[in-house]
Amino acid sequence: MTGTVITVAPTGAEVSKADVPALPVTLDELVRTAKECEALGASIVHVHIRDAAAEPTLDQGRLRATVAALRESTDLIVQLSSGGAVTDPESDRLAVLDAGPEMASCTMGTVNFGDGVFLNRWEFIVDLHTRMQERGIVPEYEIFDLGQLTTLQRLLGKYGLPAGGHVHVDLVMGVPGGMPGTAAALVACEQVIRDLPAGTTFSATGIGRSTIPVMLASLSAGGHLRVGMEDTTTYAKGQPVESNMQLVARAAGFAQLAQRPPLTTDATRSLLGVAPR
């Protein structure tokens, strides 16, 4: 792999605007952040949205407006989260696809998520996967633990390849309740990824203090990167993150040092099977 896909996850559903004033929660803030991160090397934006009170929401009107604004203002691949918040019902999470994203997340199993439970039943996973196939939406399969890669094998074996024909997974590491954010855990996942369809690619997300170890391990193993204030709000010990751009700039710098510079959006589309605009 000669280049690196950088995904920015600017907001998430867990971080409070009151606790982190720099968190982009309005549409204008999100679009401005996306444009700035694109200029620094991001090619995908992983999107959660907030309501007027800065609380997580899956409101269809806001989702559609967000997708439209990001497509109008950037060339970034717009990837909506189908996870939402851990309290969101399955029906609302499935309806995310109605907003017309180019990509969407598809989590491969239930996981303890801090004090909550992120529920992903097999029937729900199948429904999400097959609806994305029908609509031409490219999935990113979110993996919180090693066994979820085996679930993905089962899914692809029973229901076929995703839209676009390319399998791409994101290893979410360091969530309390999921796999640790360590090089050893990433290597273990990589061994199982080799049993997925030929050409399968992966990115890795390090939560909190695991951000840097996971980035370095992923680059060394030929993987890609996801960074953003959804995943960490601390740049270094005792130093809060100032902006998502700060995190993307660091990831792009690491990718350059690894001689795997950030891929352009067009190159990322080609790699992941996302249709041109």
C-alpha atoms as a PDB file:
ATOM      1  CA  MET A   1       0.000   0.000   0.000  1.00  0.00           C
ATOM      2  CA  THR A   2       1.606   3.255  -1.161  1.00  0.00           C
ATOM      3  CA  GLY A   3      -0.860   5.715   0.344  1.00  0.00           C
ATOM      4  CA  THR A   4      -3.023   6.230   3.396  1.00  0.00           C
ATOM      5  CA  VAL A   5      -6.752   6.840   3.674  1.00  0.00           C
ATOM      6  CA  ILE A   6      -7.386   9.357   6.444  1.00  0.00           C
ATOM      7  CA  THR A   7     -10.899   9.484   7.870  1.00  0.00           C
ATOM      8  CA  VAL A   8     -11.890  12.312  10.182  1.00  0.00           C
ATOM      9  CA  ALA A   9     -14.610  11.685  12.792  1.00  0.00           C
ATOM     10  CA  PRO A  10     -15.212  15.221  14.040  1.00  0.00           C
ATOM     11  CA  THR A  11     -18.108  14.962  16.498  1.00  0.00           C
ATOM     12  CA  GLY A  12     -19.436  11.559  17.618  1.00  0.00           C
ATOM     13  CA  ALA A  13     -22.320  11.023  20.000  1.00  0.00           C
ATOM     14  CA  GLU A  14     -20.559  10.738  23.353  1.00  0.00           C
ATOM     15  CA  VAL A  15     -18.645  13.996  23.849  1.00  0.00           C
ATOM     16  CA  SER A  16     -20.483  16.945  25.389  1.00  0.00           C
ATOM     17  CA  LYS A  17     -20.226  20.395  23.821  1.00  0.00           C
ATOM     18  CA  ALA A  18     -20.310  21.821  27.331  1.00  0.00           C
ATOM     19  CA  ASP A  19     -17.207  19.825  28.234  1.00  0.00           C
ATOM     20  CA  VAL A  20     -15.429  20.387  24.909  1.00  0.00           C
ATOM     21  CA  PRO A  21     -16.339  23.814  23.487  1.00  0.00           C
ATOM     22  CA  ALA A  22     -14.241  23.213  20.329  1.00  0.00           C
ATOM     23  CA  LEU A  23     -16.456  20.272  19.293  1.00  0.00           C
ATOM     24  CA  PRO A  24     -18.194  21.041  15.950  1.00  0.00           C
ATOM     25  CA  VAL A  25     -21.924  20.520  16.475  1.00  0.00           C
ATOM     26  CA  THR A  26     -23.717  22.980  14.163  1.00  0.00           C
ATOM     27  CA  LEU A  27     -23.943  22.419  10.424  1.00  0.00           C
ATOM     28  CA  ASP A  28     -21.747  25.445   9.737  1.00  0.00           C
ATOM     29  CA  GLU A  29     -19.123  24.202  12.206  1.00  0.00           C
ATOM     30  CA  LEU A  30     -19.177  20.735  10.681  1.00  0.00           C
ATOM     31  CA  VAL A  31     -18.819  21.991   7.102  1.00  0.00           C
ATOM     32  CA  ARG A  32     -15.998  24.357   8.052  1.00  0.00           C
ATOM     33  CA  THR A  33     -14.201  21.540   9.884  1.00  0.00           C
ATOM     34  CA  ALA A  34     -14.653  19.174   6.926  1.00  0.00           C
ATOM     35  CA  LYS A  35     -13.213  21.697   4.463  1.00  0.00           C
ATOM     36  CA  GLU A  36     -10.196  22.363   6.652  1.00  0.00           C
ATOM     37  CA  CYS A  37      -9.546  18.663   7.263  1.00  0.00           C
ATOM     38  CA  GLU A  38      -9.839  17.910   3.546  1.00  0.00           C
ATOM     39  CA  ALA A  39      -7.150  20.502   2.844  1.00  0.00           C
ATOM     40  CA  LEU A  40      -4.859  18.693   5.311  1.00  0.00           C
ATOM     41  CA  GLY A  41      -5.280  15.236   3.786  1.00  0.00           C
ATOM     42  CA  ALA A  42      -8.577  13.702   4.958  1.00  0.00           C
ATOM     43  CA  SER A  43     -10.581  11.937   2.253  1.00  0.00           C
ATOM     44  CA  ILE A  44     -13.544  10.604   4.296  1.00  0.00           C
ATOM     45  CA  VAL A  45     -15.697  12.350   6.886  1.00  0.00           C
ATOM     46  CA  HIS A  46     -17.465  10.062   9.384  1.00  0.00           C
ATOM     47  CA  VAL A  47     -20.570  11.968  10.469  1.00  0.00           C
ATOM     48  CA  HIS A  48     -22.675  12.130  13.612  1.00  0.00           C
ATOM     49  CA  ILE A  49     -25.000  15.107  13.952  1.00  0.00           C
ATOM     50  CA  ARG A  50     -26.417  17.121  16.842  1.00  0.00           C
ATOM     51  CA  ASP A  51     -29.697  18.972  17.376  1.00  0.00           C
ATOM     52  CA  ALA A  52     -30.219  22.628  18.316  1.00  0.00           C
ATOM     53  CA  ALA A  53     -29.312  21.816  21.925  1.00  0.00           C
ATOM     54  CA  ALA A  54     -26.080  20.070  20.773  1.00  0.00           C
ATOM     55  CA  GLU A  55     -27.502  16.658  21.725  1.00  0.00           C
ATOM     56  CA  PRO A  56     -27.024  13.615  19.441  1.00  0.00           C
ATOM     57  CA  THR A  57     -29.842  13.105  16.947  1.00  0.00           C
ATOM     58  CA  LEU A  58     -30.761  11.007  13.906  1.00  0.00           C
ATOM     59  CA  ASP A  59     -33.345  13.512  12.670  1.00  0.00           C
ATOM     60  CA  GLN A  60     -33.908  12.851   8.965  1.00  0.00           C
ATOM     61  CA  GLY A  61     -34.166  16.497   7.986  1.00  0.00           C
ATOM     62  CA  ARG A  62     -30.874  17.348   9.656  1.00  0.00           C
ATOM     63  CA  LEU A  63     -29.179  14.268   8.195  1.00  0.00           C
ATOM     64  CA  ARG A  64     -30.268  15.127   4.652  1.00  0.00           C
ATOM     65  CA  ALA A  65     -29.205  18.748   5.053  1.00  0.00           C
ATOM     66  CA  THR A  66     -25.832  17.651   6.385  1.00  0.00           C
ATOM     67  CA  VAL A  67     -25.173  15.249   3.508  1.00  0.00           C
ATOM     68  CA  ALA A  68     -26.196  17.900   0.968  1.00  0.00           C
ATOM     69  CA  ALA A  69     -24.026  20.601   2.548  1.00  0.00           C
ATOM     70  CA  LEU A  70     -20.946  18.383   2.785  1.00  0.00           C
ATOM     71  CA  ARG A  71     -21.321  17.238  -0.821  1.00  0.00           C
ATOM     72  CA  GLU A  72     -21.747  20.829  -2.001  1.00  0.00           C
ATOM     73  CA  SER A  73     -18.814  22.243  -0.018  1.00  0.00           C
ATOM     74  CA  THR A  74     -16.239  19.408  -0.188  1.00  0.00           C
ATOM     75  CA  ASP A  75     -15.112  16.462  -2.275  1.00  0.00           C
ATOM     76  CA  LEU A  76     -14.917  14.289   0.842  1.00  0.00           C
ATOM     77  CA  ILE A  77     -16.633  10.905   0.869  1.00  0.00           C
ATOM     78  CA  VAL A  78     -19.605  11.364   3.207  1.00  0.00           C
ATOM     79  CA  GLN A  79     -19.904   8.419   5.588  1.00  0.00           C
ATOM     80  CA  LEU A  80     -22.858   8.517   7.979  1.00  0.00           C
ATOM     81  CA  SER A  81     -22.813   6.636  11.259  1.00  0.00           C
ATOM     82  CA  SER A  82     -25.563   4.044  11.523  1.00  0.00           C
ATOM     83  CA  GLY A  83     -24.585   3.595  15.167  1.00  0.00           C
ATOM     84  CA  GLY A  84     -25.903   6.912  16.429  1.00  0.00           C
ATOM     85  CA  ALA A  85     -25.959   6.961  20.210  1.00  0.00           C
ATOM     86  CA  VAL A  86     -26.193   3.706  22.176  1.00  0.00           C
ATOM     87  CA  THR A  87     -29.803   4.571  23.073  1.00  0.00           C
ATOM     88  CA  ASP A  88     -31.049   5.019  19.476  1.00  0.00           C
ATOM     89  CA  PRO A  89     -33.610   2.451  18.240  1.00  0.00           C
ATOM     90  CA  GLU A  90     -32.839   0.169  15.303  1.00  0.00           C
ATOM     91  CA  SER A  91     -35.512   1.764  13.110  1.00  0.00           C
ATOM     92  CA  ASP A  92     -33.876   5.192  13.368  1.00  0.00           C
ATOM     93  CA  ARG A  93     -30.443   3.719  12.719  1.00  0.00           C
ATOM     94  CA  LEU A  94     -31.661   1.966   9.557  1.00  0.00           C
ATOM     95  CA  ALA A  95     -33.333   5.178   8.394  1.00  0.00           C
ATOM     96  CA  VAL A  96     -29.920   6.867   8.285  1.00  0.00           C
ATOM     97  CA  LEU A  97     -29.530   5.257   4.857  1.00  0.00           C
ATOM     98  CA  ASP A  98     -32.507   7.292   3.587  1.00  0.00           C
ATOM     99  CA  ALA A  99     -30.348  10.433   3.802  1.00  0.00           C
ATOM    100  CA  GLY A 100     -28.316   9.197   0.834  1.00  0.00           C
ATOM    101  CA  PRO A 101     -24.751   8.885   2.126  1.00  0.00           C
ATOM    102  CA  GLU A 102     -21.983   7.498  -0.073  1.00  0.00           C
ATOM    103  CA  MET A 103     -20.782   5.290   2.785  1.00  0.00           C
ATOM    104  CA  ALA A 104     -22.195   4.227   6.143  1.00  0.00           C
ATOM    105  CA  SER A 105     -20.879   2.333   9.127  1.00  0.00           C
ATOM    106  CA  CYS A 106     -22.024  -1.231   9.829  1.00  0.00           C
ATOM    107  CA  THR A 107     -21.006  -2.587  13.235  1.00  0.00           C
ATOM    108  CA  MET A 108     -20.406  -6.317  13.416  1.00  0.00           C
ATOM    109  CA  GLY A 109     -21.678  -7.104  16.892  1.00  0.00           C
ATOM    110  CA  THR A 110     -22.825  -6.025  20.336  1.00  0.00           C
ATOM    111  CA  VAL A 111     -20.232  -4.545  22.670  1.00  0.00           C
ATOM    112  CA  ASN A 112     -20.155  -3.073  26.146  1.00  0.00           C
ATOM    113  CA  PHE A 113     -19.542   0.622  25.549  1.00  0.00           C
ATOM    114  CA  GLY A 114     -18.338   2.179  28.786  1.00  0.00           C
ATOM    115  CA  ASP A 115     -21.374   2.067  31.050  1.00  0.00           C
ATOM    116  CA  GLY A 116     -23.756   1.409  28.152  1.00  0.00           C
ATOM    117  CA  VAL A 117     -24.380  -1.435  25.713  1.00  0.00           C
ATOM    118  CA  PHE A 118     -24.007  -0.858  21.968  1.00  0.00           C
ATOM    119  CA  LEU A 119     -26.544  -3.373  20.667  1.00  0.00           C
ATOM    120  CA  ASN A 120     -26.121  -4.868  17.192  1.00  0.00           C
ATOM    121  CA  ARG A 121     -28.232  -8.008  16.750  1.00  0.00           C
ATOM    122  CA  TRP A 122     -27.441 -10.395  13.872  1.00  0.00           C
ATOM    123  CA  GLU A 123     -30.795  -9.677  12.204  1.00  0.00           C
ATOM    124  CA  PHE A 124     -30.102  -5.940  12.363  1.00  0.00           C
ATOM    125  CA  ILE A 125     -26.618  -6.388  10.887  1.00  0.00           C
ATOM    126  CA  VAL A 126     -28.052  -8.396   7.989  1.00  0.00           C
ATOM    127  CA  ASP A 127     -30.766  -5.801   7.380  1.00  0.00           C
ATOM    128  CA  LEU A 128     -28.253  -2.960   7.337  1.00  0.00           C
ATOM    129  CA  HIS A 129     -25.835  -4.825   5.040  1.00  0.00           C
ATOM    130  CA  THR A 130     -28.483  -5.846   2.498  1.00  0.00           C
ATOM    131  CA  ARG A 131     -30.131  -2.418   2.411  1.00  0.00           C
ATOM    132  CA  MET A 132     -26.754  -0.871   1.639  1.00  0.00           C
ATOM    133  CA  GLN A 133     -26.239  -3.425  -1.146  1.00  0.00           C
ATOM    134  CA  GLU A 134     -29.608  -2.464  -2.673  1.00  0.00           C
ATOM    135  CA  ARG A 135     -28.879   1.272  -2.508  1.00  0.00           C
ATOM    136  CA  GLY A 136     -25.263   1.246  -3.617  1.00  0.00           C
ATOM    137  CA  ILE A 137     -24.005   2.569  -0.269  1.00  0.00           C
ATOM    138  CA  VAL A 138     -20.507   1.335   0.563  1.00  0.00           C
ATOM    139  CA  PRO A 139     -20.189   0.007   4.128  1.00  0.00           C
ATOM    140  CA  GLU A 140     -17.337   0.404   6.527  1.00  0.00           C
ATOM    141  CA  TYR A 141     -17.532  -2.597   8.835  1.00  0.00           C
ATOM    142  CA  GLU A 142     -16.822  -1.465  12.396  1.00  0.00           C
ATOM    143  CA  ILE A 143     -14.949  -4.042  14.475  1.00  0.00           C
ATOM    144  CA  PHE A 144     -14.800  -3.607  18.254  1.00  0.00           C
ATOM    145  CA  ASP A 145     -13.470  -7.062  19.084  1.00  0.00           C
ATOM    146  CA  LEU A 146     -11.705  -9.934  17.351  1.00  0.00           C
ATOM    147  CA  GLY A 147     -14.749 -12.195  17.105  1.00  0.00           C
ATOM    148  CA  GLN A 148     -16.605  -9.564  15.097  1.00  0.00           C
ATOM    149  CA  LEU A 149     -14.267 -10.275  12.181  1.00  0.00           C
ATOM    150  CA  THR A 150     -15.608 -13.844  12.203  1.00  0.00           C
ATOM    151  CA  THR A 151     -19.131 -12.416  12.169  1.00  0.00           C
ATOM    152  CA  LEU A 152     -18.152 -10.438   9.076  1.00  0.00           C
ATOM    153  CA  GLN A 153     -16.930 -13.640   7.410  1.00  0.00           C
ATOM    154  CA  ARG A 154     -20.302 -15.221   8.136  1.00  0.00           C
ATOM    155  CA  LEU A 155     -22.164 -12.161   6.802  1.00  0.00           C
ATOM    156  CA  LEU A 156     -20.241 -12.044   3.522  1.00  0.00           C
ATOM    157  CA  GLY A 157     -20.521 -15.817   3.088  1.00  0.00           C
ATOM    158  CA  LYS A 158     -24.310 -15.750   3.433  1.00  0.00           C
ATOM    159  CA  TYR A 159     -25.209 -12.432   1.813  1.00  0.00           C
ATOM    160  CA  GLY A 160     -22.387 -11.582  -0.571  1.00  0.00           C
ATOM    161  CA  LEU A 161     -19.956  -8.746  -1.064  1.00  0.00           C
ATOM    162  CA  PRO A 162     -20.954  -5.183  -0.217  1.00  0.00           C
ATOM    163  CA  ALA A 163     -21.889  -2.466  -2.674  1.00  0.00           C
ATOM    164  CA  GLY A 164     -18.797  -1.583  -4.681  1.00  0.00           C
ATOM    165  CA  GLY A 165     -17.389  -5.085  -4.260  1.00  0.00           C
ATOM    166  CA  HIS A 166     -14.601  -4.083  -1.858  1.00  0.00           C
ATOM    167  CA  VAL A 167     -14.441  -5.024   1.825  1.00  0.00           C
ATOM    168  CA  HIS A 168     -13.123  -2.349   4.187  1.00  0.00           C
ATOM    169  CA  VAL A 169     -13.102  -2.646   7.973  1.00  0.00           C
ATOM    170  CA  ASP A 170     -12.324  -0.188  10.747  1.00  0.00           C
ATOM    171  CA  LEU A 171     -10.742  -1.601  13.901  1.00  0.00           C
ATOM    172  CA  VAL A 172     -12.112   0.458  16.795  1.00  0.00           C
ATOM    173  CA  MET A 173      -9.596  -0.055  19.584  1.00  0.00           C
ATOM    174  CA  GLY A 174      -9.488   1.089  23.180  1.00  0.00           C
ATOM    175  CA  VAL A 175     -13.230   1.360  23.906  1.00  0.00           C
ATOM    176  CA  PRO A 176     -13.890   0.258  27.503  1.00  0.00           C
ATOM    177  CA  GLY A 177     -15.532  -3.118  26.862  1.00  0.00           C
ATOM    178  CA  GLY A 178     -13.859  -3.777  23.507  1.00  0.00           C
ATOM    179  CA  MET A 179     -10.399  -4.822  22.379  1.00  0.00           C
ATOM    180  CA  PRO A 180      -7.395  -2.904  23.721  1.00  0.00           C
ATOM    181  CA  GLY A 181      -5.642  -0.221  21.705  1.00  0.00           C
ATOM    182  CA  THR A 182      -2.358  -2.069  21.346  1.00  0.00           C
ATOM    183  CA  ALA A 183      -0.087  -3.206  18.541  1.00  0.00           C
ATOM    184  CA  ALA A 184      -0.556  -6.818  19.677  1.00  0.00           C
ATOM    185  CA  ALA A 185      -4.345  -6.569  19.328  1.00  0.00           C
ATOM    186  CA  LEU A 186      -4.019  -4.999  15.885  1.00  0.00           C
ATOM    187  CA  VAL A 187      -1.680  -7.765  14.719  1.00  0.00           C
ATOM    188  CA  ALA A 188      -4.148 -10.382  15.986  1.00  0.00           C
ATOM    189  CA  CYS A 189      -6.914  -8.728  13.962  1.00  0.00           C
ATOM    190  CA  GLU A 190      -4.697  -8.531  10.900  1.00  0.00           C
ATOM    191  CA  GLN A 191      -4.214 -12.313  10.991  1.00  0.00           C
ATOM    192  CA  VAL A 192      -7.993 -12.821  10.797  1.00  0.00           C
ATOM    193  CA  ILE A 193      -8.426 -10.115   8.145  1.00  0.00           C
ATOM    194  CA  ARG A 194      -6.263 -12.258   5.868  1.00  0.00           C
ATOM    195  CA  ASP A 195      -9.124 -14.798   5.807  1.00  0.00           C
ATOM    196  CA  LEU A 196     -11.536 -12.191   4.422  1.00  0.00           C
ATOM    197  CA  PRO A 197     -11.903 -11.661   0.643  1.00  0.00           C
ATOM    198  CA  ALA A 198      -8.676 -10.893  -1.193  1.00  0.00           C
ATOM    199  CA  GLY A 199      -7.849  -7.197  -1.195  1.00  0.00           C
ATOM    200  CA  THR A 200      -9.709  -6.408   2.037  1.00  0.00           C
ATOM    201  CA  THR A 201      -8.370  -3.202   3.571  1.00  0.00           C
ATOM    202  CA  PHE A 202      -8.529  -1.897   7.122  1.00  0.00           C
ATOM    203  CA  SER A 203      -8.233   1.317   9.021  1.00  0.00           C
ATOM    204  CA  ALA A 204      -7.738   1.627  12.760  1.00  0.00           C
ATOM    205  CA  THR A 205      -9.153   3.992  15.340  1.00  0.00           C
ATOM    206  CA  GLY A 206      -7.438   4.461  18.684  1.00  0.00           C
ATOM    207  CA  ILE A 207      -9.736   5.772  21.409  1.00  0.00           C
ATOM    208  CA  GLY A 208      -8.310   8.217  23.932  1.00  0.00           C
ATOM    209  CA  ARG A 209      -4.728   7.575  24.964  1.00  0.00           C
ATOM    210  CA  SER A 210      -4.417   4.694  22.484  1.00  0.00           C
ATOM    211  CA  THR A 211      -4.611   7.110  19.533  1.00  0.00           C
ATOM    212  CA  ILE A 212      -0.898   7.338  18.786  1.00  0.00           C
ATOM    213  CA  PRO A 213       0.039   3.665  19.397  1.00  0.00           C
ATOM    214  CA  VAL A 214      -2.816   2.555  17.136  1.00  0.00           C
ATOM    215  CA  MET A 215      -1.873   5.027  14.388  1.00  0.00           C
ATOM    216  CA  LEU A 216       1.721   3.858  14.343  1.00  0.00           C
ATOM    217  CA  ALA A 217       0.761   0.175  14.451  1.00  0.00           C
ATOM    218  CA  SER A 218      -1.754   0.577  11.631  1.00  0.00           C
ATOM    219  CA  LEU A 219       0.701   2.382   9.374  1.00  0.00           C
ATOM    220  CA  SER A 220       3.379  -0.235  10.001  1.00  0.00           C
ATOM    221  CA  ALA A 221       0.927  -3.030   9.139  1.00  0.00           C
ATOM    222  CA  GLY A 222      -0.266  -1.437   5.905  1.00  0.00           C
ATOM    223  CA  GLY A 223      -3.500  -0.096   7.366  1.00  0.00           C
ATOM    224  CA  HIS A 224      -5.232   3.263   7.196  1.00  0.00           C
ATOM    225  CA  LEU A 225      -6.168   5.852   9.821  1.00  0.00           C
ATOM    226  CA  ARG A 226      -9.215   7.370  11.486  1.00  0.00           C
ATOM    227  CA  VAL A 227      -8.786  10.310  13.829  1.00  0.00           C
ATOM    228  CA  GLY A 228     -11.026  13.005  15.262  1.00  0.00           C
ATOM    229  CA  MET A 229     -12.643  14.499  18.317  1.00  0.00           C
ATOM    230  CA  GLU A 230     -15.216  11.706  18.356  1.00  0.00           C
ATOM    231  CA  ASP A 231     -12.367   9.437  19.445  1.00  0.00           C
ATOM    232  CA  THR A 232     -10.071  11.641  21.516  1.00  0.00           C
ATOM    233  CA  THR A 233     -10.237  15.095  23.034  1.00  0.00           C
ATOM    234  CA  THR A 234      -6.677  15.105  24.386  1.00  0.00           C
ATOM    235  CA  TYR A 235      -3.749  15.829  22.051  1.00  0.00           C
ATOM    236  CA  ALA A 236      -1.105  14.964  24.643  1.00  0.00           C
ATOM    237  CA  LYS A 237      -1.085  14.444  28.389  1.00  0.00           C
ATOM    238  CA  GLY A 238      -2.644  17.528  29.929  1.00  0.00           C
ATOM    239  CA  GLN A 239      -3.154  19.167  26.502  1.00  0.00           C
ATOM    240  CA  PRO A 240      -6.723  19.342  25.148  1.00  0.00           C
ATOM    241  CA  VAL A 241      -7.314  18.995  21.430  1.00  0.00           C
ATOM    242  CA  GLU A 242      -7.777  22.417  19.864  1.00  0.00           C
ATOM    243  CA  SER A 243      -9.507  21.218  16.686  1.00  0.00           C
ATOM    244  CA  ASN A 244     -10.019  18.248  14.424  1.00  0.00           C
ATOM    245  CA  MET A 245      -7.524  19.810  12.032  1.00  0.00           C
ATOM    246  CA  GLN A 246      -4.817  19.360  14.653  1.00  0.00           C
ATOM    247  CA  LEU A 247      -5.508  15.608  14.722  1.00  0.00           C
ATOM    248  CA  VAL A 248      -5.679  15.261  10.930  1.00  0.00           C
ATOM    249  CA  ALA A 249      -2.435  17.205  10.536  1.00  0.00           C
ATOM    250  CA  ARG A 250      -0.674  14.830  12.940  1.00  0.00           C
ATOM    251  CA  ALA A 251      -2.049  11.776  11.130  1.00  0.00           C
ATOM    252  CA  ALA A 252      -0.977  13.175   7.763  1.00  0.00           C
ATOM    253  CA  GLY A 253       2.487  13.860   9.180  1.00  0.00           C
ATOM    254  CA  PHE A 254       2.804  10.288  10.447  1.00  0.00           C
ATOM    255  CA  ALA A 255       1.644   8.984   7.055  1.00  0.00           C
ATOM    256  CA  GLN A 256       4.299  11.066   5.313  1.00  0.00           C
ATOM    257  CA  LEU A 257       6.982   9.766   7.686  1.00  0.00           C
ATOM    258  CA  ALA A 258       5.894   6.230   6.872  1.00  0.00           C
ATOM    259  CA  GLN A 259       6.300   7.099   3.156  1.00  0.00           C
ATOM    260  CA  ARG A 260       2.598   6.456   2.694  1.00  0.00           C
ATOM    261  CA  PRO A 261       1.216   9.959   2.098  1.00  0.00           C
ATOM    262  CA  PRO A 262      -2.513  10.710   2.390  1.00  0.00           C
ATOM    263  CA  LEU A 263      -4.567   9.470  -0.532  1.00  0.00           C
ATOM    264  CA  THR A 264      -6.661  11.934  -2.492  1.00  0.00           C
ATOM    265  CA  THR A 265     -10.411  11.593  -2.376  1.00  0.00           C
ATOM    266  CA  ASP A 266     -10.461  10.234  -5.945  1.00  0.00           C
ATOM    267  CA  ALA A 267      -7.850   7.610  -5.054  1.00  0.00           C
ATOM    268  CA  THR A 268      -9.823   6.648  -1.951  1.00  0.00           C
ATOM    269  CA  ARG A 269     -13.009   6.274  -3.991  1.00  0.00           C
ATOM    270  CA  SER A 270     -11.187   3.986  -6.401  1.00  0.00           C
ATOM    271  CA  LEU A 271      -9.700   1.906  -3.582  1.00  0.00           C
ATOM    272  CA  LEU A 272     -12.950   1.432  -1.657  1.00  0.00           C
ATOM    273  CA  GLY A 273     -15.325   1.060  -4.583  1.00  0.00           C
ATOM    274  CA  VAL A 274     -17.169   4.324  -3.932  1.00  0.00           C
ATOM    275  CA  ALA A 275     -18.726   5.670  -7.114  1.00  0.00           C
ATOM    276  CA  PRO A 276     -17.462   9.001  -8.513  1.00  0.00           C
ATOM    277  CA  ARG A 277     -19.669  11.993  -7.852  1.00  0.00           C
END
